[in-house]
């Protein structure tokens, strides 16, 4: 069984048509109403969707987590996620899902920027630049090298549905999925898809700067949590070595001049304290990470 999942927040205008078009290509459509104040749930249900409703707005990542949970409950073989505002074309679903049906991939990312994309769409320049920057950071964290790490138009096979356990409630979940997919050795590929922003720019629920900042911070947090010894431990050790250097320098000055160089001493203390804090934090996060991996 193939299902489509649509995270939605106040999308009563577009949700009905998106559900009906998606139902042409999948067996069931799940709409996760993330605390909408309009008639999103009613319209989606009337169009034939299974509705999961959050009593309050919890964020895009929380809606994606609910989508995964409902797909597992339905024992789905594959799930496609797409936006509820109409920017993604449901007619691209067969193309998106094909590598999973052929058994050649576990996670499919629908890219707006592949060279052979049949429709590059009308992605605004500022969005394109922001997506490129965030994609570069995501690729650094996940090592997958995708061209569109922020695409919400994706497909997941049964293995991905079973093994991906997500925790980011915000927009950083898109990057988290790639990071977790790498941890689980899932096969990730991209396919070209179209995207339309016509009529959507004035309905955005979050300004681009805040959106980009929250995604970047989520990626940094995920990377630090997953690889604390590299991103905190190594800088911590370097800081300790610098502090030791300043400490030796201070002792040599004292041995020659019989007085303490205050600036050098303060620098030594500061670097040593920073190094100790970073090193202990890295060790603690590493221990927590290992414990969480064992209990998954």
Protein backbone atom coordinates (compact mmCIF):
# COMPACT_ATOMS: atom_id res chain seq x y z
CA UNK A 1 0.00 0.00 0.00
CA UNK A 2 1.26 3.46 -0.93
CA UNK A 3 0.14 6.49 1.09
CA UNK A 4 0.64 10.22 0.68
CA UNK A 5 1.04 12.48 3.70
CA UNK A 6 0.32 16.21 3.70
CA UNK A 7 1.40 18.33 6.68
CA UNK A 8 -1.09 21.21 6.73
CA UNK A 9 -1.66 24.43 8.64
CA UNK A 10 -4.59 26.66 7.65
CA UNK A 11 -4.79 25.26 4.10
CA UNK A 12 -8.57 25.01 3.65
CA UNK A 13 -8.37 26.72 0.23
CA UNK A 14 -5.94 24.32 -1.45
CA UNK A 15 -6.09 21.11 0.60
CA UNK A 16 -9.17 19.60 -1.08
CA UNK A 17 -7.80 19.71 -4.62
CA UNK A 18 -4.37 18.43 -3.52
CA UNK A 19 -5.98 15.46 -1.75
CA UNK A 20 -8.15 14.58 -4.76
CA UNK A 21 -5.21 14.78 -7.17
CA UNK A 22 -2.97 12.73 -4.88
CA UNK A 23 -5.61 10.01 -4.54
CA UNK A 24 -5.22 9.32 -8.26
CA UNK A 25 -1.72 7.94 -7.58
CA UNK A 26 -1.83 6.47 -4.05
CA UNK A 27 -4.09 4.21 -2.03
CA UNK A 28 -4.67 6.57 0.90
CA UNK A 29 -3.94 10.20 1.76
CA UNK A 30 -3.06 11.27 5.30
CA UNK A 31 -3.53 14.93 6.21
CA UNK A 32 -1.82 16.03 9.41
CA UNK A 33 -3.68 19.15 10.50
CA UNK A 34 -1.12 20.94 12.65
CA UNK A 35 -3.49 22.96 14.82
CA UNK A 36 -5.28 24.85 12.04
CA UNK A 37 -7.85 27.48 13.01
CA UNK A 38 -9.78 27.15 9.74
CA UNK A 39 -11.63 24.22 8.13
CA UNK A 40 -8.56 22.33 6.92
CA UNK A 41 -9.59 19.10 8.66
CA UNK A 42 -13.20 19.21 7.43
CA UNK A 43 -12.25 19.93 3.81
CA UNK A 44 -9.54 17.25 3.81
CA UNK A 45 -11.90 14.65 5.29
CA UNK A 46 -14.61 15.52 2.75
CA UNK A 47 -12.09 15.02 -0.05
CA UNK A 48 -11.37 11.49 1.19
CA UNK A 49 -8.30 11.95 3.38
CA UNK A 50 -7.52 10.32 6.72
CA UNK A 51 -7.03 13.22 9.12
CA UNK A 52 -4.63 13.35 12.06
CA UNK A 53 -5.17 16.53 14.03
CA UNK A 54 -2.82 18.30 16.44
CA UNK A 55 -4.75 20.33 18.97
CA UNK A 56 -2.14 23.10 18.74
CA UNK A 57 0.44 24.15 16.18
CA UNK A 58 3.50 22.01 16.90
CA UNK A 59 5.62 22.63 13.81
CA UNK A 60 6.43 21.03 10.48
CA UNK A 61 8.73 18.44 12.02
CA UNK A 62 6.04 17.31 14.43
CA UNK A 63 3.63 16.91 11.50
CA UNK A 64 6.19 14.78 9.65
CA UNK A 65 6.64 12.61 12.75
CA UNK A 66 2.86 12.09 12.93
CA UNK A 67 2.88 11.18 9.23
CA UNK A 68 5.50 8.48 9.82
CA UNK A 69 3.58 7.14 12.80
CA UNK A 70 0.27 6.92 10.90
CA UNK A 71 1.94 5.29 7.88
CA UNK A 72 3.45 2.63 10.14
CA UNK A 73 0.03 2.04 11.72
CA UNK A 74 -1.41 1.50 8.23
CA UNK A 75 1.45 -0.92 7.45
CA UNK A 76 2.29 1.13 4.36
CA UNK A 77 4.88 -0.12 1.90
CA UNK A 78 5.81 3.44 0.95
CA UNK A 79 4.90 7.01 1.86
CA UNK A 80 5.10 10.20 -0.17
CA UNK A 81 5.17 13.58 1.58
CA UNK A 82 4.17 16.76 -0.21
CA UNK A 83 3.07 20.25 0.76
CA UNK A 84 -0.63 20.96 1.18
CA UNK A 85 -0.55 24.42 -0.40
CA UNK A 86 -0.32 23.18 -4.00
CA UNK A 87 3.31 24.04 -4.72
CA UNK A 88 4.07 20.35 -5.43
CA UNK A 89 2.42 18.60 -8.35
CA UNK A 90 0.75 15.32 -7.27
CA UNK A 91 1.16 14.07 -10.83
CA UNK A 92 4.91 13.79 -10.06
CA UNK A 93 4.20 11.07 -7.47
CA UNK A 94 4.68 8.13 -9.88
CA UNK A 95 8.11 9.49 -10.88
CA UNK A 96 9.04 10.11 -7.27
CA UNK A 97 8.00 6.66 -6.05
CA UNK A 98 9.43 4.63 -8.95
CA UNK A 99 12.95 3.97 -7.47
CA UNK A 100 11.34 2.57 -4.31
CA UNK A 101 9.02 0.29 -6.29
CA UNK A 102 12.02 -0.89 -8.31
CA UNK A 103 13.92 -1.62 -5.09
CA UNK A 104 16.81 0.74 -5.86
CA UNK A 105 16.32 3.30 -3.06
CA UNK A 106 14.92 3.76 0.44
CA UNK A 107 14.51 7.56 0.49
CA UNK A 108 13.73 9.70 -2.56
CA UNK A 109 14.21 13.47 -2.56
CA UNK A 110 12.29 15.42 -5.20
CA UNK A 111 14.74 18.08 -6.35
CA UNK A 112 13.83 21.46 -7.81
CA UNK A 113 17.39 22.02 -8.99
CA UNK A 114 18.53 18.96 -10.90
CA UNK A 115 20.02 19.80 -14.27
CA UNK A 116 17.52 17.65 -16.14
CA UNK A 117 14.50 18.78 -14.13
CA UNK A 118 11.52 18.99 -16.45
CA UNK A 119 10.22 22.06 -14.64
CA UNK A 120 12.52 24.31 -12.68
CA UNK A 121 9.47 26.22 -11.55
CA UNK A 122 9.42 29.84 -10.44
CA UNK A 123 11.45 29.54 -7.23
CA UNK A 124 12.24 33.12 -6.13
CA UNK A 125 15.91 34.10 -6.16
CA UNK A 126 16.16 34.68 -2.40
CA UNK A 127 14.64 31.26 -1.75
CA UNK A 128 16.98 29.64 -4.26
CA UNK A 129 20.04 31.18 -2.61
CA UNK A 130 18.85 30.25 0.87
CA UNK A 131 18.07 26.67 -0.16
CA UNK A 132 21.51 26.34 -1.77
CA UNK A 133 23.23 27.54 1.41
CA UNK A 134 21.22 25.24 3.69
CA UNK A 135 21.74 22.33 1.27
CA UNK A 136 25.50 22.82 1.45
CA UNK A 137 25.39 22.69 5.25
CA UNK A 138 23.12 19.62 5.17
CA UNK A 139 25.44 17.83 2.76
CA UNK A 140 28.37 18.55 5.07
CA UNK A 141 26.44 16.93 7.91
CA UNK A 142 25.02 13.93 6.02
CA UNK A 143 27.58 13.27 3.24
CA UNK A 144 24.82 12.51 0.72
CA UNK A 145 25.51 15.37 -1.68
CA UNK A 146 21.90 16.12 -2.63
CA UNK A 147 20.97 19.24 -4.61
CA UNK A 148 17.81 20.16 -2.67
CA UNK A 149 18.04 19.23 1.01
CA UNK A 150 15.01 21.36 1.93
CA UNK A 151 12.54 19.74 -0.46
CA UNK A 152 9.39 18.54 1.27
CA UNK A 153 8.42 16.41 -1.73
CA UNK A 154 9.90 13.04 -0.75
CA UNK A 155 9.18 9.32 -0.73
CA UNK A 156 10.09 6.69 1.85
CA UNK A 157 10.16 2.92 1.48
CA UNK A 158 9.18 0.45 4.16
CA UNK A 159 12.73 0.21 5.56
CA UNK A 160 12.92 3.99 5.95
CA UNK A 161 9.47 4.12 7.57
CA UNK A 162 10.54 1.51 10.11
CA UNK A 163 14.03 2.80 10.91
CA UNK A 164 13.79 6.59 10.82
CA UNK A 165 13.03 7.96 14.28
CA UNK A 166 12.86 11.75 14.21
CA UNK A 167 12.90 14.33 16.99
CA UNK A 168 13.11 17.80 15.40
CA UNK A 169 9.71 19.55 15.56
CA UNK A 170 10.67 22.38 13.23
CA UNK A 171 11.86 22.85 9.64
CA UNK A 172 15.19 21.24 10.51
CA UNK A 173 13.50 17.84 10.20
CA UNK A 174 14.33 17.78 6.47
CA UNK A 175 18.04 17.82 7.29
CA UNK A 176 17.55 15.45 10.21
CA UNK A 177 16.02 12.85 7.89
CA UNK A 178 19.15 12.86 5.72
CA UNK A 179 21.37 12.66 8.80
CA UNK A 180 19.40 9.74 10.28
CA UNK A 181 19.28 8.04 6.87
CA UNK A 182 23.07 8.10 6.84
CA UNK A 183 23.21 6.60 10.33
CA UNK A 184 20.96 3.75 9.16
CA UNK A 185 22.80 3.23 5.84
CA UNK A 186 19.64 3.96 3.86
CA UNK A 187 19.93 4.48 0.11
CA UNK A 188 19.05 8.08 -0.82
CA UNK A 189 18.53 9.25 -4.41
CA UNK A 190 17.09 12.34 -6.07
CA UNK A 191 14.62 12.70 -8.92
CA UNK A 192 13.63 15.90 -10.74
CA UNK A 193 10.28 17.46 -9.80
CA UNK A 194 8.55 20.72 -10.53
CA UNK A 195 7.47 23.38 -8.05
CA UNK A 196 5.21 26.42 -8.29
CA UNK A 197 5.24 29.38 -5.91
CA UNK A 198 2.57 31.39 -7.72
CA UNK A 199 0.19 32.92 -5.21
CA UNK A 200 2.05 31.40 -2.24
CA UNK A 201 4.55 34.08 -1.27
CA UNK A 202 2.01 36.15 0.65
CA UNK A 203 0.73 33.16 2.60
CA UNK A 204 3.99 32.04 4.15
CA UNK A 205 3.64 31.41 7.88
CA UNK A 206 7.27 32.24 8.63
CA UNK A 207 9.55 34.94 7.20
CA UNK A 208 12.55 33.62 5.20
CA UNK A 209 15.20 34.95 7.61
CA UNK A 210 13.62 33.30 10.65
CA UNK A 211 13.03 30.12 8.67
CA UNK A 212 16.64 29.94 7.46
CA UNK A 213 18.06 30.72 10.89
CA UNK A 214 15.95 28.03 12.57
CA UNK A 215 17.01 25.42 9.99
CA UNK A 216 20.70 26.29 10.34
CA UNK A 217 20.51 26.13 14.13
CA UNK A 218 18.72 22.77 13.93
CA UNK A 219 21.41 21.36 11.64
CA UNK A 220 24.19 22.59 13.93
CA UNK A 221 22.44 21.10 16.96
CA UNK A 222 21.92 17.76 15.21
CA UNK A 223 25.54 17.57 14.07
CA UNK A 224 26.89 18.44 17.50
CA UNK A 225 24.56 15.91 19.15
CA UNK A 226 25.48 13.15 16.69
CA UNK A 227 29.23 13.82 16.49
CA UNK A 228 30.17 15.55 19.73
CA UNK A 229 33.71 14.18 19.88
CA UNK A 230 34.51 15.74 16.50
CA UNK A 231 32.72 19.08 16.82
CA UNK A 232 33.23 19.69 20.55
CA UNK A 233 35.95 17.28 21.65
CA UNK A 234 38.55 18.28 19.06
CA UNK A 235 38.11 22.06 19.61
CA UNK A 236 38.17 21.38 23.35
CA UNK A 237 41.51 19.60 23.14
CA UNK A 238 42.92 22.38 20.95
CA UNK A 239 41.75 24.94 23.49
CA UNK A 240 43.50 23.00 26.27
CA UNK A 241 46.72 22.91 24.27
CA UNK A 242 46.54 26.67 23.65
CA UNK A 243 45.88 27.22 27.34
CA UNK A 244 48.88 25.05 28.21
CA UNK A 245 51.03 27.06 25.77
CA UNK A 246 50.07 30.32 27.47
CA UNK A 247 50.67 28.70 30.85
CA UNK A 248 54.21 27.65 29.93
CA UNK A 249 54.83 31.11 28.49
CA UNK A 250 53.70 32.70 31.75
CA UNK A 251 56.02 30.42 33.77
CA UNK A 252 58.98 31.31 31.58
CA UNK A 253 58.28 35.02 32.04
CA UNK A 254 58.03 34.52 35.79
CA UNK A 255 61.29 32.55 35.86
CA UNK A 256 63.14 35.40 34.11
CA UNK A 257 61.45 38.53 35.47
CA UNK A 258 60.02 37.17 38.76
CA UNK A 259 56.61 38.62 38.05
CA UNK A 260 53.35 37.27 36.69
CA UNK A 261 52.23 38.45 33.25
CA UNK A 262 48.56 39.04 34.03
CA UNK A 263 47.32 39.04 30.43
CA UNK A 264 49.12 35.80 29.61
CA UNK A 265 47.85 34.18 32.80
CA UNK A 266 44.25 35.20 32.10
CA UNK A 267 44.52 33.89 28.53
CA UNK A 268 45.83 30.56 29.85
CA UNK A 269 43.02 30.24 32.39
CA UNK A 270 40.34 31.20 29.83
CA UNK A 271 41.49 28.69 27.20
CA UNK A 272 41.84 25.91 29.77
CA UNK A 273 38.33 26.52 31.17
CA UNK A 274 36.81 26.63 27.67
CA UNK A 275 38.68 23.47 26.72
CA UNK A 276 37.57 21.61 29.84
CA UNK A 277 33.95 22.64 29.34
CA UNK A 278 33.96 21.60 25.67
CA UNK A 279 35.70 18.29 26.39
CA UNK A 280 33.38 17.31 29.26
CA UNK A 281 30.33 18.35 27.22
CA UNK A 282 31.55 16.23 24.28
CA UNK A 283 32.07 13.20 26.50
CA UNK A 284 28.63 13.61 28.09
CA UNK A 285 26.84 14.03 24.73
CA UNK A 286 28.74 11.05 23.30
CA UNK A 287 27.66 8.88 26.22
CA UNK A 288 24.04 10.01 25.83
CA UNK A 289 24.16 9.40 22.08
CA UNK A 290 25.52 5.89 22.53
CA UNK A 291 22.84 5.13 25.12
CA UNK A 292 20.07 6.37 22.82
CA UNK A 293 21.40 4.23 19.95
CA UNK A 294 21.28 1.13 22.15
CA UNK A 295 17.71 1.80 23.23
CA UNK A 296 16.31 2.48 19.72
